[in-house]
C-alpha atoms as a PDB file:
ATOM      1  CA  MET A   1      16.782   9.619  -0.619  1.00  0.00           C
ATOM      2  CA  ARG A   2      17.541  12.062   2.362  1.00  0.00           C
ATOM      3  CA  GLN A   3      14.106  11.968   4.541  1.00  0.00           C
ATOM      4  CA  PHE A   4      11.652  15.160   4.095  1.00  0.00           C
ATOM      5  CA  SER A   5      13.958  16.569   1.163  1.00  0.00           C
ATOM      6  CA  ILE A   6      12.244  18.978  -1.322  1.00  0.00           C
ATOM      7  CA  ALA A   7      11.948  15.932  -3.842  1.00  0.00           C
ATOM      8  CA  HIS A   8      10.723  13.723  -0.708  1.00  0.00           C
ATOM      9  CA  LEU A   9       8.148  17.014   0.362  1.00  0.00           C
ATOM     10  CA  ALA A  10       7.100  16.643  -3.326  1.00  0.00           C
ATOM     11  CA  ALA A  11       5.898  13.153  -3.139  1.00  0.00           C
ATOM     12  CA  LEU A  12       4.034  13.690   0.209  1.00  0.00           C
ATOM     13  CA  ALA A  13       2.229  16.962  -1.371  1.00  0.00           C
ATOM     14  CA  THR A  14       1.085  14.890  -4.347  1.00  0.00           C
ATOM     15  CA  LEU A  15      -0.164  12.104  -1.959  1.00  0.00           C
ATOM     16  CA  ILE A  16      -2.285  14.557  -0.023  1.00  0.00           C
ATOM     17  CA  VAL A  17      -3.768  16.256  -2.673  1.00  0.00           C
ATOM     18  CA  ALA A  18      -4.754  13.016  -4.766  1.00  0.00           C
ATOM     19  CA  GLY A  19      -5.945  11.434  -2.047  1.00  0.00           C
ATOM     20  CA  GLY A  20      -8.353  14.137  -0.708  1.00  0.00           C
ATOM     21  CA  LEU A  21      -9.527  14.269  -4.587  1.00  0.00           C
ATOM     22  CA  ALA A  22      -9.702  10.531  -4.575  1.00  0.00           C
ATOM     23  CA  ILE A  23     -12.071  10.775  -1.490  1.00  0.00           C
ATOM     24  CA  LEU A  24     -14.063  13.887  -2.168  1.00  0.00           C
ATOM     25  CA  THR A  25     -14.613  13.846  -5.490  1.00  0.00           C
ATOM     26  CA  PRO A  26     -16.658  10.867  -6.177  1.00  0.00           C
ATOM     27  CA  ARG A  27     -18.524  11.907  -3.045  1.00  0.00           C
ATOM     28  CA  ARG A  28     -19.888  14.792  -4.652  1.00  0.00           C
ATOM     29  CA  ARG A  29     -19.927  14.182  -8.640  1.00  0.00           C
ATOM     30  CA  PRO A  30     -20.233  10.453  -9.072  1.00  0.00           C
ATOM     31  CA  GLY A  31     -20.360   9.021 -12.724  1.00  0.00           C
ATOM     32  CA  PRO A  32     -18.954   7.033 -15.240  1.00  0.00           C
ATOM     33  CA  TRP A  33     -15.655   8.547 -15.188  1.00  0.00           C
ATOM     34  CA  ILE A  34     -14.457   6.563 -12.110  1.00  0.00           C
ATOM     35  CA  THR A  35     -14.208   3.715 -13.719  1.00  0.00           C
ATOM     36  CA  TRP A  36     -11.867   5.307 -16.189  1.00  0.00           C
ATOM     37  CA  VAL A  37      -9.895   6.618 -13.230  1.00  0.00           C
ATOM     38  CA  CYS A  38      -9.336   3.567 -11.642  1.00  0.00           C
ATOM     39  CA  ARG A  39      -8.535   2.166 -14.927  1.00  0.00           C
ATOM     40  CA  ALA A  40      -5.607   4.758 -15.249  1.00  0.00           C
ATOM     41  CA  LEU A  41      -4.324   4.266 -11.853  1.00  0.00           C
ATOM     42  CA  ALA A  42      -4.251   0.703 -11.816  1.00  0.00           C
ATOM     43  CA  ALA A  43      -2.280   1.645 -15.324  1.00  0.00           C
ATOM     44  CA  GLY A  44       0.174   3.559 -13.257  1.00  0.00           C
ATOM     45  CA  ILE A  45       0.657   1.486 -10.378  1.00  0.00           C
ATOM     46  CA  PHE A  46       1.374  -1.520 -12.990  1.00  0.00           C
ATOM     47  CA  ALA A  47       3.955   0.715 -14.720  1.00  0.00           C
ATOM     48  CA  GLY A  48       5.686   1.882 -11.645  1.00  0.00           C
ATOM     49  CA  TRP A  49       5.842  -1.902 -10.022  1.00  0.00           C
ATOM     50  CA  ILE A  50       6.972  -3.582 -13.023  1.00  0.00           C
ATOM     51  CA  GLY A  51       8.997  -0.371 -14.095  1.00  0.00           C
ATOM     52  CA  GLU A  52      11.403  -0.303 -10.886  1.00  0.00           C
ATOM     53  CA  TYR A  53      12.216  -3.875 -12.029  1.00  0.00           C
ATOM     54  CA  VAL A  54      12.729  -3.353 -15.750  1.00  0.00           C
ATOM     55  CA  ALA A  55      15.111  -0.524 -14.505  1.00  0.00           C
ATOM     56  CA  ASP A  56      16.965  -2.933 -12.401  1.00  0.00           C
ATOM     57  CA  LEU A  57      17.269  -5.418 -14.906  1.00  0.00           C
ATOM     58  CA  VAL A  58      18.423  -2.809 -17.585  1.00  0.00           C
ATOM     59  CA  THR A  59      21.140  -1.207 -14.899  1.00  0.00           C
ATOM     60  CA  GLY A  60      22.334  -4.088 -14.031  1.00  0.00           C
ATOM     61  CA  THR A  61      21.705  -3.792 -10.318  1.00  0.00           C
ATOM     62  CA  TRP A  62      18.821  -6.885  -9.787  1.00  0.00           C
ATOM     63  CA  THR A  63      19.794  -9.671  -7.819  1.00  0.00           C
ATOM     64  CA  VAL A  64      18.193 -12.580  -6.584  1.00  0.00           C
ATOM     65  CA  ARG A  65      18.378 -11.434  -2.926  1.00  0.00           C
ATOM     66  CA  SER A  66      16.356  -8.219  -3.143  1.00  0.00           C
ATOM     67  CA  GLY A  67      14.835  -8.624  -6.557  1.00  0.00           C
ATOM     68  CA  LEU A  68      12.235 -11.378  -6.241  1.00  0.00           C
ATOM     69  CA  PRO A  69       8.484 -10.460  -5.701  1.00  0.00           C
ATOM     70  CA  LEU A  70       8.296 -11.454  -2.167  1.00  0.00           C
ATOM     71  CA  GLN A  71       7.967  -7.938  -0.551  1.00  0.00           C
ATOM     72  CA  LEU A  72       4.915  -6.891   1.189  1.00  0.00           C
ATOM     73  CA  THR A  73       4.699  -4.277  -1.569  1.00  0.00           C
ATOM     74  CA  ASP A  74       4.545  -6.444  -4.253  1.00  0.00           C
ATOM     75  CA  ALA A  75       1.373  -7.932  -2.627  1.00  0.00           C
ATOM     76  CA  VAL A  76      -0.064  -4.243  -2.344  1.00  0.00           C
ATOM     77  CA  SER A  77       0.731  -3.278  -6.093  1.00  0.00           C
ATOM     78  CA  LEU A  78      -1.138  -6.227  -7.571  1.00  0.00           C
ATOM     79  CA  THR A  79      -3.609  -6.031  -5.412  1.00  0.00           C
ATOM     80  CA  ALA A  80      -4.416  -2.474  -5.752  1.00  0.00           C
ATOM     81  CA  ILE A  81      -4.163  -3.128  -9.465  1.00  0.00           C
ATOM     82  CA  ILE A  82      -6.591  -6.174  -9.481  1.00  0.00           C
ATOM     83  CA  ALA A  83      -9.184  -4.037  -6.941  1.00  0.00           C
ATOM     84  CA  LEU A  84      -8.990  -1.330  -9.333  1.00  0.00           C
ATOM     85  CA  LEU A  85      -9.786  -2.894 -11.760  1.00  0.00           C
ATOM     86  CA  THR A  86     -12.474  -5.403 -10.501  1.00  0.00           C
ATOM     87  CA  ARG A  87     -13.882  -3.358  -7.255  1.00  0.00           C
ATOM     88  CA  ARG A  88     -14.192  -6.551  -5.323  1.00  0.00           C
ATOM     89  CA  LEU A  89     -14.461  -6.193  -1.838  1.00  0.00           C
ATOM     90  CA  ARG A  90     -12.222  -9.113  -1.046  1.00  0.00           C
ATOM     91  CA  LEU A  91      -9.387  -7.750  -2.787  1.00  0.00           C
ATOM     92  CA  VAL A  92     -10.319  -3.893  -1.703  1.00  0.00           C
ATOM     93  CA  GLU A  93      -9.985  -4.842   2.244  1.00  0.00           C
ATOM     94  CA  PRO A  94      -6.717  -5.849   1.947  1.00  0.00           C
ATOM     95  CA  LEU A  95      -5.759  -3.232   0.008  1.00  0.00           C
ATOM     96  CA  TYR A  96      -6.950  -0.855   2.587  1.00  0.00           C
ATOM     97  CA  PHE A  97      -5.195  -2.212   5.351  1.00  0.00           C
ATOM     98  CA  TRP A  98      -2.025  -3.091   3.427  1.00  0.00           C
ATOM     99  CA  SER A  99      -1.859   0.395   1.908  1.00  0.00           C
ATOM    100  CA  LEU A 100      -2.669   2.721   4.541  1.00  0.00           C
ATOM    101  CA  THR A 101      -0.111   0.906   6.970  1.00  0.00           C
ATOM    102  CA  ALA A 102       2.845  -0.261   5.054  1.00  0.00           C
ATOM    103  CA  SER A 103       2.611   1.929   2.156  1.00  0.00           C
ATOM    104  CA  LEU A 104       2.118   4.743   4.218  1.00  0.00           C
ATOM    105  CA  GLN A 105       5.082   3.976   6.221  1.00  0.00           C
ATOM    106  CA  ALA A 106       7.173   3.522   3.156  1.00  0.00           C
ATOM    107  CA  VAL A 107       6.025   7.381   2.000  1.00  0.00           C
ATOM    108  CA  LEU A 108       6.982   8.848   4.983  1.00  0.00           C
ATOM    109  CA  THR A 109       9.973   6.951   5.580  1.00  0.00           C
ATOM    110  CA  PRO A 110      11.178   5.840   2.037  1.00  0.00           C
ATOM    111  CA  ASP A 111      14.021   3.319   1.942  1.00  0.00           C
ATOM    112  CA  LEU A 112      15.183   4.722  -1.286  1.00  0.00           C
ATOM    113  CA  ALA A 113      18.635   5.103  -2.286  1.00  0.00           C
ATOM    114  CA  GLY A 114      18.289   7.560  -5.227  1.00  0.00           C
ATOM    115  CA  THR A 115      16.097  10.696  -5.436  1.00  0.00           C
ATOM    116  CA  PHE A 116      14.893  13.097  -8.129  1.00  0.00           C
ATOM    117  CA  PRO A 117      15.441  12.978 -11.088  1.00  0.00           C
ATOM    118  CA  SER A 118      16.046   9.146 -10.987  1.00  0.00           C
ATOM    119  CA  VAL A 119      14.135   6.889 -12.653  1.00  0.00           C
ATOM    120  CA  PHE A 120      13.675   4.752  -8.998  1.00  0.00           C
ATOM    121  CA  TYR A 121      12.101   7.969  -7.492  1.00  0.00           C
ATOM    122  CA  PHE A 122       9.394   7.969  -9.925  1.00  0.00           C
ATOM    123  CA  THR A 123       8.709   4.296  -9.699  1.00  0.00           C
ATOM    124  CA  TYR A 124       8.999   3.863  -6.231  1.00  0.00           C
ATOM    125  CA  PHE A 125       6.411   6.703  -5.088  1.00  0.00           C
ATOM    126  CA  LEU A 126       4.082   5.980  -8.383  1.00  0.00           C
ATOM    127  CA  TYR A 127       3.098   2.236  -6.863  1.00  0.00           C
ATOM    128  CA  HIS A 128       3.324   3.172  -3.152  1.00  0.00           C
ATOM    129  CA  VAL A 129       1.119   6.595  -3.595  1.00  0.00           C
ATOM    130  CA  GLY A 130      -0.935   4.819  -5.920  1.00  0.00           C
ATOM    131  CA  ALA A 131      -1.819   1.937  -3.660  1.00  0.00           C
ATOM    132  CA  ILE A 132      -2.668   4.735  -1.092  1.00  0.00           C
ATOM    133  CA  VAL A 133      -4.417   7.165  -3.258  1.00  0.00           C
ATOM    134  CA  GLY A 134      -6.369   3.575  -4.406  1.00  0.00           C
ATOM    135  CA  ALA A 135      -7.505   2.945  -1.216  1.00  0.00           C
ATOM    136  CA  CYS A 136      -8.781   6.144  -0.748  1.00  0.00           C
ATOM    137  CA  LEU A 137     -10.651   6.055  -3.567  1.00  0.00           C
ATOM    138  CA  LEU A 138     -12.498   2.924  -3.484  1.00  0.00           C
ATOM    139  CA  VAL A 139     -13.138   2.665   0.140  1.00  0.00           C
ATOM    140  CA  PHE A 140     -13.948   6.482   1.291  1.00  0.00           C
ATOM    141  CA  GLY A 141     -14.634   7.633  -1.781  1.00  0.00           C
ATOM    142  CA  CYS A 142     -16.894   5.054  -3.129  1.00  0.00           C
ATOM    143  CA  ARG A 143     -17.827   3.591  -0.249  1.00  0.00           C
ATOM    144  CA  LEU A 144     -16.836   0.177  -0.543  1.00  0.00           C
ATOM    145  CA  TYR A 145     -16.509  -0.411   3.473  1.00  0.00           C
ATOM    146  CA  PRO A 146     -14.707  -3.641   4.855  1.00  0.00           C
ATOM    147  CA  ARG A 147     -16.729  -6.017   5.977  1.00  0.00           C
ATOM    148  CA  ALA A 148     -17.136  -7.219   9.348  1.00  0.00           C
ATOM    149  CA  GLY A 149     -13.987  -9.805  10.397  1.00  0.00           C
ATOM    150  CA  ALA A 150     -11.642  -8.283   7.741  1.00  0.00           C
ATOM    151  CA  ILE A 151      -9.171  -7.144   9.679  1.00  0.00           C
ATOM    152  CA  TRP A 152      -8.614 -11.081  10.812  1.00  0.00           C
ATOM    153  CA  ARG A 153      -8.655 -12.060   7.426  1.00  0.00           C
ATOM    154  CA  VAL A 154      -6.302  -9.386   6.241  1.00  0.00           C
ATOM    155  CA  TYR A 155      -3.904 -10.117   9.287  1.00  0.00           C
ATOM    156  CA  SER A 156      -3.753 -13.801   8.421  1.00  0.00           C
ATOM    157  CA  LEU A 157      -2.906 -13.274   4.781  1.00  0.00           C
ATOM    158  CA  THR A 158      -0.284 -10.822   5.709  1.00  0.00           C
ATOM    159  CA  ALA A 159       1.322 -13.652   8.288  1.00  0.00           C
ATOM    160  CA  ALA A 160       1.115 -15.704   5.495  1.00  0.00           C
ATOM    161  CA  TRP A 161       2.852 -13.439   3.198  1.00  0.00           C
ATOM    162  CA  ALA A 162       5.583 -12.908   5.784  1.00  0.00           C
ATOM    163  CA  VAL A 163       6.137 -16.426   6.013  1.00  0.00           C
ATOM    164  CA  LEU A 164       6.543 -16.797   2.394  1.00  0.00           C
ATOM    165  CA  ALA A 165       9.004 -13.628   2.387  1.00  0.00           C
ATOM    166  CA  GLY A 166      11.214 -15.571   5.340  1.00  0.00           C
ATOM    167  CA  LEU A 167      11.279 -18.578   3.383  1.00  0.00           C
ATOM    168  CA  GLY A 168      12.818 -16.627   0.311  1.00  0.00           C
ATOM    169  CA  ASP A 169      15.320 -14.758   2.922  1.00  0.00           C
ATOM    170  CA  VAL A 170      16.635 -18.224   4.144  1.00  0.00           C
ATOM    171  CA  ILE A 171      16.983 -19.584   0.448  1.00  0.00           C
ATOM    172  CA  THR A 172      18.664 -16.241  -1.211  1.00  0.00           C
ATOM    173  CA  GLY A 173      20.072 -14.486   1.906  1.00  0.00           C
ATOM    174  CA  GLY A 174      18.043 -11.955   1.034  1.00  0.00           C
ATOM    175  CA  ASN A 175      16.031  -9.270   3.550  1.00  0.00           C
ATOM    176  CA  TYR A 176      12.560  -9.462   2.276  1.00  0.00           C
ATOM    177  CA  MET A 177      10.055  -7.744   4.178  1.00  0.00           C
ATOM    178  CA  TYR A 178      12.812  -6.573   6.627  1.00  0.00           C
ATOM    179  CA  LEU A 179      12.946  -9.376   8.379  1.00  0.00           C
ATOM    180  CA  ARG A 180      16.455 -10.215   9.060  1.00  0.00           C
ATOM    181  CA  SER A 181      17.604  -6.670   9.100  1.00  0.00           C
ATOM    182  CA  LYS A 182      16.187  -3.170   9.364  1.00  0.00           C
ATOM    183  CA  PRO A 183      16.032  -1.200   6.546  1.00  0.00           C
ATOM    184  CA  ILE A 184      19.191   1.362   6.268  1.00  0.00           C
ATOM    185  CA  HIS A 185      17.539   4.628   6.049  1.00  0.00           C
ATOM    186  CA  HIS A 186      15.480   5.560   9.574  1.00  0.00           C
ATOM    187  CA  SER A 187      11.908   4.179   9.884  1.00  0.00           C
ATOM    188  CA  LEU A 188       9.643   3.002  12.668  1.00  0.00           C
ATOM    189  CA  LEU A 189      10.962  -0.072  12.835  1.00  0.00           C
ATOM    190  CA  ASP A 190      13.970   1.895  14.760  1.00  0.00           C
ATOM    191  CA  ALA A 191      11.684   2.478  17.803  1.00  0.00           C
ATOM    192  CA  MET A 192      11.030  -0.958  17.687  1.00  0.00           C
ATOM    193  CA  GLY A 193      14.105  -2.467  19.387  1.00  0.00           C
ATOM    194  CA  PRO A 194      16.803  -5.151  17.853  1.00  0.00           C
ATOM    195  CA  TRP A 195      16.425  -8.129  15.911  1.00  0.00           C
ATOM    196  CA  PRO A 196      14.174  -9.986  16.117  1.00  0.00           C
ATOM    197  CA  LEU A 197      12.276  -7.974  18.984  1.00  0.00           C
ATOM    198  CA  TYR A 198      11.399  -5.551  16.221  1.00  0.00           C
ATOM    199  CA  ILE A 199       9.293  -8.485  14.219  1.00  0.00           C
ATOM    200  CA  ALA A 200       7.346  -9.306  17.183  1.00  0.00           C
ATOM    201  CA  THR A 201       6.520  -5.747  18.056  1.00  0.00           C
ATOM    202  CA  GLY A 202       5.883  -4.520  14.455  1.00  0.00           C
ATOM    203  CA  ALA A 203       3.269  -7.415  14.602  1.00  0.00           C
ATOM    204  CA  GLY A 204       1.579  -6.140  17.468  1.00  0.00           C
ATOM    205  CA  LEU A 205       1.719  -2.904  16.272  1.00  0.00           C
ATOM    206  CA  GLY A 206       0.322  -3.676  12.844  1.00  0.00           C
ATOM    207  CA  LEU A 207      -2.354  -5.387  14.593  1.00  0.00           C
ATOM    208  CA  ILE A 208      -3.610  -1.811  16.697  1.00  0.00           C
ATOM    209  CA  MET A 209      -3.099   0.169  13.487  1.00  0.00           C
ATOM    210  CA  PHE A 210      -5.309  -2.831  11.429  1.00  0.00           C
ATOM    211  CA  ALA A 211      -7.947  -2.209  14.588  1.00  0.00           C
ATOM    212  CA  ALA A 212      -7.528   1.727  14.259  1.00  0.00           C
ATOM    213  CA  LEU A 213      -8.446   1.284  10.243  1.00  0.00           C
ATOM    214  CA  GLN A 214     -11.178  -1.080  10.921  1.00  0.00           C
ATOM    215  CA  GLY A 215     -12.874   1.527  13.101  1.00  0.00           C
ATOM    216  CA  ILE A 216     -12.694   4.411  11.029  1.00  0.00           C
ATOM    217  CA  ALA A 217     -13.872   2.650   8.237  1.00  0.00           C
ATOM    218  CA  GLY A 218     -16.974   1.570  10.414  1.00  0.00           C
ATOM    219  CA  ALA A 219     -17.324   5.321  11.374  1.00  0.00           C
ATOM    220  CA  VAL A 220     -17.408   6.731   8.218  1.00  0.00           C
ATOM    221  CA  ALA A 221     -19.731   4.289   6.749  1.00  0.00           C
ATOM    222  CA  ARG A 222     -22.259   3.994   9.995  1.00  0.00           C
ATOM    223  CA  HIS A 223     -22.095   8.355   9.051  1.00  0.00           C
ATOM    224  CA  ASP A 224     -22.866   7.608   5.360  1.00  0.00           C
ATOM    225  CA  GLY A 225     -25.900   5.348   6.561  1.00  0.00           C
ATOM    226  CA  LEU A 226     -24.220   1.670   5.659  1.00  0.00           C
ATOM    227  CA  ALA A 227     -22.954  -0.953   8.155  1.00  0.00           C
ATOM    228  CA  PRO A 228     -19.408  -2.212   7.165  1.00  0.00           C
ATOM    229  CA  ALA A 229     -20.572  -5.280   6.179  1.00  0.00           C
ATOM    230  CA  ASP A 230     -22.690  -3.523   3.176  1.00  0.00           C
ATOM    231  CA  GLU A 231     -21.219  -4.684  -0.125  1.00  0.00           C
ATOM    232  CA  THR A 232     -21.583  -1.781  -2.039  1.00  0.00           C
ATOM    233  CA  ARG A 233     -20.846  -1.667  -5.536  1.00  0.00           C
ATOM    234  CA  LEU A 234     -18.771   1.243  -7.361  1.00  0.00           C
ATOM    235  CA  SER A 235     -21.659   0.874  -9.843  1.00  0.00           C
ATOM    236  CA  ASP A 236     -23.967   1.678  -7.132  1.00  0.00           C
ATOM    237  CA  VAL A 237     -22.422   5.028  -6.546  1.00  0.00           C
ATOM    238  CA  ALA A 238     -21.095   5.841 -10.399  1.00  0.00           C
END
């Protein structure tokens, strides 16, 4: 897929509009409808995430080297679904940090062979955009802000997932989490040097981005009169 093509720009526009609505609408008009939106969004992410695996099987493109659920995207999608259904802060936290870094990067620089109207265009953007919108809804729309120390918990969890993906790469010869080589299409990794330097650089940049996101959430929480450690639940604002 060509970056910033009409199809790509349409996906970005959808993200901007949906993300903005997910933040502003719950703040201005809280109510029981938020629960139904969360459920619908979770269903959409699930359809896109699982639908991509089904499409791979149907088209015969599934392989053990690329089709196992070892990408960080898989962790984000599963976390997003459960977080939207339960609104538990321990799940909202990784969704917030992962979706506004990894998922956002995937939307801005998609590693996608097909484009509109390919089924993979819809599945790819459905679960990536869905996760970002879900994080905006839960954190900024419903005020489920990350607690103090969340950055380190999520960073450790990310490192553990990278180890799991690395083992998968060794066993299958795949390239899960791009630990063996950079994606074919242009991405932020292109500016981080050759392998394996870009892995260390990416880990450092990820920590910086996590810290920035923690600061943003903390600033908005204070503006709302809440401490970042307050475990506000969706029911409190619905």
